[in-house]
């Protein structure tokens, strides 16, 4: 692969799914094993596009390709703004299940586009995107070296109860919506998630009204009971990682910086060998947006 392709982000389509790929640019680490690809899904809430997710959580220090996949709504180009509307739970289930089912085909084309050999992948997801990553892990359709789930909507019925509590608007459960919620009650499928043996990181927000930290902790306990290697951490954030509408890439807010730091450390631990930087060199703290404009990945200064 040419040097310019190794240093430039790439946008494309794999199996009809849009993606944004950030190349490995870490200056102080190299892959420690066969994993050369980490796949990330955004959520329904901001960020809700690959570009916005990549800007919020670039994981610059992880020395593998980070590929951010589009999570479309059943009837539109963008996922809905949260779990709202009469068919919210059914739409949620259709979106995440379809994304997980298509992943093997997407991965095959991604490897061809990025000229990567077959091997295990790392998985990460935020909110609804975490549910996709969990379904991919549970399916055991591809080998997974490590996974991280941020504010995961792992139990849609409980999340909808939180939505009702926050908004005061009732939700009319139907037969299809109850069936969808039951299928995606992922704590009840902890044995499937633990079976592949990948280490799992769960990230909760201390002020998250939709996926309370206590719910994430309980999920971790269920996974541990089934033999999974799990770490759970809580950061200061509500549910969103960017401001609304969460479509375009913007400078990361402090919540995103905190999540990016946690995920970078996790995947460096499981995917990387840290090497001594060149004399006089400092690790890069820059991320590059899809338009090629570099900005600091750290907190913004006035």
Protein backbone atom coordinates (compact mmCIF):
# COMPACT_ATOMS: atom_id res chain seq x y z
CA UNK A 1 0.00 0.00 0.00
CA UNK A 2 1.36 3.43 -0.93
CA UNK A 3 2.48 5.90 1.71
CA UNK A 4 -0.23 8.42 0.86
CA UNK A 5 -2.98 5.83 1.28
CA UNK A 6 -1.55 4.86 4.66
CA UNK A 7 -1.77 8.43 5.99
CA UNK A 8 -5.11 9.61 4.58
CA UNK A 9 -8.58 8.82 5.85
CA UNK A 10 -10.79 7.05 3.35
CA UNK A 11 -14.53 7.11 2.77
CA UNK A 12 -16.29 4.39 0.83
CA UNK A 13 -19.05 1.82 0.69
CA UNK A 14 -18.78 -1.84 1.65
CA UNK A 15 -21.73 -4.13 0.95
CA UNK A 16 -23.88 -0.99 0.53
CA UNK A 17 -22.83 0.35 3.95
CA UNK A 18 -21.05 3.69 4.03
CA UNK A 19 -17.85 3.85 6.06
CA UNK A 20 -15.09 6.22 7.09
CA UNK A 21 -11.69 4.61 7.68
CA UNK A 22 -8.87 6.22 9.66
CA UNK A 23 -5.44 4.69 8.99
CA UNK A 24 -2.98 3.63 11.70
CA UNK A 25 -0.96 6.74 12.55
CA UNK A 26 0.19 5.99 16.12
CA UNK A 27 3.84 7.00 16.45
CA UNK A 28 4.60 5.09 19.65
CA UNK A 29 2.92 1.72 19.13
CA UNK A 30 2.62 -1.15 16.68
CA UNK A 31 0.16 -4.06 16.46
CA UNK A 32 0.98 -6.80 18.94
CA UNK A 33 -0.94 -9.51 17.11
CA UNK A 34 -2.94 -10.25 14.00
CA UNK A 35 -5.61 -7.59 14.51
CA UNK A 36 -5.32 -4.79 11.98
CA UNK A 37 -8.88 -3.46 12.09
CA UNK A 38 -11.20 -1.97 14.71
CA UNK A 39 -14.82 -1.46 13.64
CA UNK A 40 -16.95 1.20 15.32
CA UNK A 41 -20.69 1.92 15.15
CA UNK A 42 -22.28 5.24 16.12
CA UNK A 43 -25.67 5.54 17.80
CA UNK A 44 -29.14 6.96 17.30
CA UNK A 45 -28.25 9.92 19.49
CA UNK A 46 -25.40 12.26 18.69
CA UNK A 47 -23.06 11.34 17.12
CA UNK A 48 -25.22 9.66 14.51
CA UNK A 49 -22.91 9.45 11.46
CA UNK A 50 -19.52 7.82 10.86
CA UNK A 51 -17.86 11.22 10.37
CA UNK A 52 -19.25 12.63 13.60
CA UNK A 53 -18.30 9.48 15.52
CA UNK A 54 -14.77 9.47 14.10
CA UNK A 55 -14.32 13.11 15.10
CA UNK A 56 -15.58 12.42 18.62
CA UNK A 57 -13.69 9.16 19.23
CA UNK A 58 -10.76 8.89 16.77
CA UNK A 59 -8.58 6.59 18.92
CA UNK A 60 -5.51 8.06 17.24
CA UNK A 61 -3.13 6.14 19.48
CA UNK A 62 -4.43 2.71 18.42
CA UNK A 63 -2.08 1.36 15.70
CA UNK A 64 -4.74 -0.29 13.51
CA UNK A 65 -7.29 0.91 11.00
CA UNK A 66 -10.37 2.33 12.74
CA UNK A 67 -13.41 2.00 10.50
CA UNK A 68 -16.65 3.77 11.39
CA UNK A 69 -19.76 2.21 9.87
CA UNK A 70 -23.04 3.90 9.01
CA UNK A 71 -26.07 2.77 10.99
CA UNK A 72 -29.08 3.70 8.82
CA UNK A 73 -32.70 3.83 9.88
CA UNK A 74 -35.11 1.37 8.30
CA UNK A 75 -36.75 4.10 6.22
CA UNK A 76 -34.09 6.79 5.87
CA UNK A 77 -30.44 7.71 5.57
CA UNK A 78 -30.03 8.78 9.19
CA UNK A 79 -31.00 6.89 12.34
CA UNK A 80 -33.83 8.43 14.37
CA UNK A 81 -33.01 10.93 17.09
CA UNK A 82 -33.27 8.51 19.98
CA UNK A 83 -35.99 6.03 20.83
CA UNK A 84 -38.95 8.18 19.89
CA UNK A 85 -42.13 7.48 17.95
CA UNK A 86 -44.78 4.79 17.88
CA UNK A 87 -42.53 2.19 16.23
CA UNK A 88 -39.34 3.10 18.10
CA UNK A 89 -38.50 -0.32 19.52
CA UNK A 90 -39.29 -2.16 16.28
CA UNK A 91 -37.22 0.37 14.29
CA UNK A 92 -34.38 -0.01 16.77
CA UNK A 93 -34.43 -3.79 16.46
CA UNK A 94 -34.64 -3.75 12.67
CA UNK A 95 -31.73 -1.31 12.43
CA UNK A 96 -29.30 -3.05 14.76
CA UNK A 97 -30.18 -6.59 13.68
CA UNK A 98 -29.80 -5.73 10.01
CA UNK A 99 -26.44 -4.05 10.67
CA UNK A 100 -25.18 -7.09 12.56
CA UNK A 101 -26.43 -9.56 9.95
CA UNK A 102 -24.68 -7.68 7.14
CA UNK A 103 -21.38 -7.35 8.96
CA UNK A 104 -19.66 -10.40 7.50
CA UNK A 105 -20.25 -9.11 3.97
CA UNK A 106 -19.17 -5.61 4.99
CA UNK A 107 -15.99 -6.95 6.56
CA UNK A 108 -15.09 -8.94 3.45
CA UNK A 109 -15.27 -5.82 1.30
CA UNK A 110 -13.51 -3.66 3.87
CA UNK A 111 -10.54 -6.03 3.87
CA UNK A 112 -10.40 -5.82 0.10
CA UNK A 113 -10.72 -2.02 0.05
CA UNK A 114 -8.06 -1.52 2.72
CA UNK A 115 -5.86 -4.39 1.50
CA UNK A 116 -5.96 -6.18 4.83
CA UNK A 117 -5.41 -9.88 5.38
CA UNK A 118 -7.96 -11.99 7.19
CA UNK A 119 -7.66 -12.00 10.95
CA UNK A 120 -9.49 -11.08 14.14
CA UNK A 121 -11.12 -7.68 14.48
CA UNK A 122 -11.81 -5.38 17.40
CA UNK A 123 -15.36 -4.11 17.94
CA UNK A 124 -16.68 -0.92 19.50
CA UNK A 125 -20.03 0.80 19.58
CA UNK A 126 -21.91 3.63 21.22
CA UNK A 127 -25.54 3.42 22.34
CA UNK A 128 -27.48 1.63 19.57
CA UNK A 129 -24.14 0.99 17.86
CA UNK A 130 -23.03 -0.90 20.95
CA UNK A 131 -26.02 -3.19 20.50
CA UNK A 132 -24.82 -3.92 16.96
CA UNK A 133 -21.32 -4.70 18.19
CA UNK A 134 -22.74 -6.98 20.89
CA UNK A 135 -24.83 -8.88 18.34
CA UNK A 136 -21.79 -9.34 16.12
CA UNK A 137 -19.80 -10.65 19.09
CA UNK A 138 -22.61 -13.00 20.16
CA UNK A 139 -22.96 -14.40 16.65
CA UNK A 140 -19.34 -15.61 16.63
CA UNK A 141 -19.45 -15.11 12.86
CA UNK A 142 -16.01 -13.45 12.89
CA UNK A 143 -13.09 -13.80 15.33
CA UNK A 144 -12.96 -10.88 17.79
CA UNK A 145 -9.84 -9.92 19.70
CA UNK A 146 -11.35 -7.26 22.01
CA UNK A 147 -14.59 -5.30 22.33
CA UNK A 148 -15.79 -2.08 23.96
CA UNK A 149 -19.39 -1.01 24.47
CA UNK A 150 -20.13 2.62 25.41
CA UNK A 151 -23.51 3.41 27.03
CA UNK A 152 -24.93 0.27 25.41
CA UNK A 153 -28.65 0.00 24.77
CA UNK A 154 -28.56 -3.62 25.79
CA UNK A 155 -32.14 -3.84 27.08
CA UNK A 156 -34.51 -1.74 24.92
CA UNK A 157 -37.46 -2.25 27.25
CA UNK A 158 -35.57 -0.68 30.15
CA UNK A 159 -34.25 2.11 27.92
CA UNK A 160 -37.79 2.85 26.72
CA UNK A 161 -38.93 3.00 30.34
CA UNK A 162 -36.25 5.65 30.91
CA UNK A 163 -37.42 7.55 27.80
CA UNK A 164 -40.98 7.54 29.11
CA UNK A 165 -39.76 8.75 32.51
CA UNK A 166 -37.68 11.56 30.97
CA UNK A 167 -40.26 12.78 28.43
CA UNK A 168 -43.51 12.00 30.19
CA UNK A 169 -44.85 10.58 26.93
CA UNK A 170 -46.37 7.07 27.10
CA UNK A 171 -45.39 4.32 24.73
CA UNK A 172 -47.96 1.87 23.38
CA UNK A 173 -46.36 -1.55 23.45
CA UNK A 174 -47.49 -3.97 20.75
CA UNK A 175 -46.86 -7.62 20.08
CA UNK A 176 -44.06 -6.89 17.58
CA UNK A 177 -42.40 -4.33 19.85
CA UNK A 178 -42.41 -6.70 22.83
CA UNK A 179 -40.98 -9.49 20.67
CA UNK A 180 -38.24 -7.13 19.45
CA UNK A 181 -37.39 -6.03 22.99
CA UNK A 182 -37.22 -9.65 24.13
CA UNK A 183 -34.87 -10.59 21.26
CA UNK A 184 -32.54 -7.72 22.12
CA UNK A 185 -32.51 -8.26 25.87
CA UNK A 186 -28.76 -8.82 25.70
CA UNK A 187 -28.12 -9.39 29.43
CA UNK A 188 -30.27 -12.51 29.00
CA UNK A 189 -27.85 -13.55 26.23
CA UNK A 190 -24.74 -13.11 28.36
CA UNK A 191 -23.62 -16.68 27.69
CA UNK A 192 -23.56 -15.97 23.94
CA UNK A 193 -21.56 -12.80 24.48
CA UNK A 194 -19.07 -14.56 26.73
CA UNK A 195 -18.62 -17.62 24.51
CA UNK A 196 -16.16 -16.07 21.98
CA UNK A 197 -13.77 -15.26 24.84
CA UNK A 198 -12.96 -11.69 23.81
CA UNK A 199 -12.16 -9.28 26.65
CA UNK A 200 -14.96 -6.73 27.03
CA UNK A 201 -14.90 -3.13 28.22
CA UNK A 202 -18.15 -1.52 29.36
CA UNK A 203 -18.24 2.28 29.59
CA UNK A 204 -21.03 4.00 31.50
CA UNK A 205 -21.92 7.66 31.87
CA UNK A 206 -22.25 8.96 35.40
CA UNK A 207 -25.12 11.24 34.34
CA UNK A 208 -26.67 9.07 31.63
CA UNK A 209 -30.48 9.15 31.96
CA UNK A 210 -31.08 6.55 29.24
CA UNK A 211 -28.55 3.88 30.21
CA UNK A 212 -27.80 4.40 33.91
CA UNK A 213 -24.40 3.35 35.20
CA UNK A 214 -26.09 0.81 37.49
CA UNK A 215 -27.53 -0.95 34.44
CA UNK A 216 -24.11 -1.16 32.80
CA UNK A 217 -22.67 -2.54 36.03
CA UNK A 218 -25.36 -5.24 36.15
CA UNK A 219 -24.57 -6.19 32.56
CA UNK A 220 -20.93 -6.58 33.52
CA UNK A 221 -21.89 -8.82 36.41
CA UNK A 222 -23.99 -11.04 34.14
CA UNK A 223 -21.12 -11.36 31.68
CA UNK A 224 -18.65 -12.16 34.44
CA UNK A 225 -20.97 -14.87 35.76
CA UNK A 226 -20.79 -16.47 32.32
CA UNK A 227 -16.99 -16.46 32.31
CA UNK A 228 -16.29 -13.34 30.27
CA UNK A 229 -13.29 -11.14 31.05
CA UNK A 230 -14.97 -7.80 31.71
CA UNK A 231 -13.92 -4.38 32.90
CA UNK A 232 -16.44 -1.67 33.69
CA UNK A 233 -15.62 2.01 33.97
CA UNK A 234 -17.70 5.14 34.49
CA UNK A 235 -16.88 8.53 32.99
CA UNK A 236 -18.49 11.91 33.49
CA UNK A 237 -21.00 12.14 30.68
CA UNK A 238 -24.68 12.08 29.87
CA UNK A 239 -25.76 9.91 26.96
CA UNK A 240 -24.58 12.07 24.05
CA UNK A 241 -20.98 12.35 22.88
CA UNK A 242 -21.58 15.44 20.74
CA UNK A 243 -24.06 18.28 20.64
CA UNK A 244 -27.15 17.97 18.46
CA UNK A 245 -27.65 17.21 15.69
CA UNK A 246 -24.50 15.06 15.73
CA UNK A 247 -24.29 14.71 11.97
CA UNK A 248 -21.18 16.68 11.00
CA UNK A 249 -17.68 16.30 12.49
CA UNK A 250 -17.04 18.94 15.15
CA UNK A 251 -14.30 19.51 17.75
CA UNK A 252 -14.73 16.94 20.51
CA UNK A 253 -16.41 17.94 23.75
CA UNK A 254 -14.95 16.84 27.07
CA UNK A 255 -17.28 13.81 27.30
CA UNK A 256 -15.99 12.54 23.96
CA UNK A 257 -12.38 13.16 25.00
CA UNK A 258 -12.96 11.07 28.13
CA UNK A 259 -14.46 8.19 26.14
CA UNK A 260 -11.73 8.40 23.51
CA UNK A 261 -9.07 8.20 26.23
CA UNK A 262 -10.66 5.15 27.83
CA UNK A 263 -11.14 3.31 24.53
CA UNK A 264 -7.65 4.18 23.32
CA UNK A 265 -6.07 2.82 26.48
CA UNK A 266 -8.19 -0.34 26.30
CA UNK A 267 -7.38 -1.17 22.69
CA UNK A 268 -3.71 -0.27 23.09
CA UNK A 269 -3.56 -2.74 25.94
CA UNK A 270 -5.10 -5.55 23.89
CA UNK A 271 -3.95 -4.77 20.36
CA UNK A 272 -0.66 -2.90 20.63
CA UNK A 273 2.93 -3.06 21.73
CA UNK A 274 4.13 0.35 22.86
CA UNK A 275 7.46 1.27 21.31
CA UNK A 276 9.90 3.99 22.25
CA UNK A 277 9.25 7.11 20.14
CA UNK A 278 12.01 8.49 17.99
CA UNK A 279 14.42 10.73 19.83
CA UNK A 280 12.88 14.14 20.32
CA UNK A 281 9.50 13.02 19.00
CA UNK A 282 6.28 13.33 20.94
CA UNK A 283 3.15 11.21 20.49
CA UNK A 284 0.70 12.81 18.09
CA UNK A 285 -2.32 14.46 19.65
CA UNK A 286 -3.87 15.36 16.32
CA UNK A 287 -6.88 13.93 14.64
CA UNK A 288 -7.77 14.69 11.04
CA UNK A 289 -11.34 15.30 10.02
CA UNK A 290 -12.58 13.83 6.74
CA UNK A 291 -11.97 17.19 5.05
CA UNK A 292 -8.29 16.92 5.94
CA UNK A 293 -8.25 19.70 8.56
CA UNK A 294 -6.25 18.63 11.63
CA UNK A 295 -7.38 19.77 15.06
CA UNK A 296 -6.35 18.88 18.59
CA UNK A 297 -7.96 15.75 19.97
CA UNK A 298 -7.58 17.12 23.48
CA UNK A 299 -9.71 19.64 25.36
CA UNK A 300 -10.16 22.89 23.47
CA UNK A 301 -8.58 26.04 24.85
CA UNK A 302 -10.23 29.45 24.67
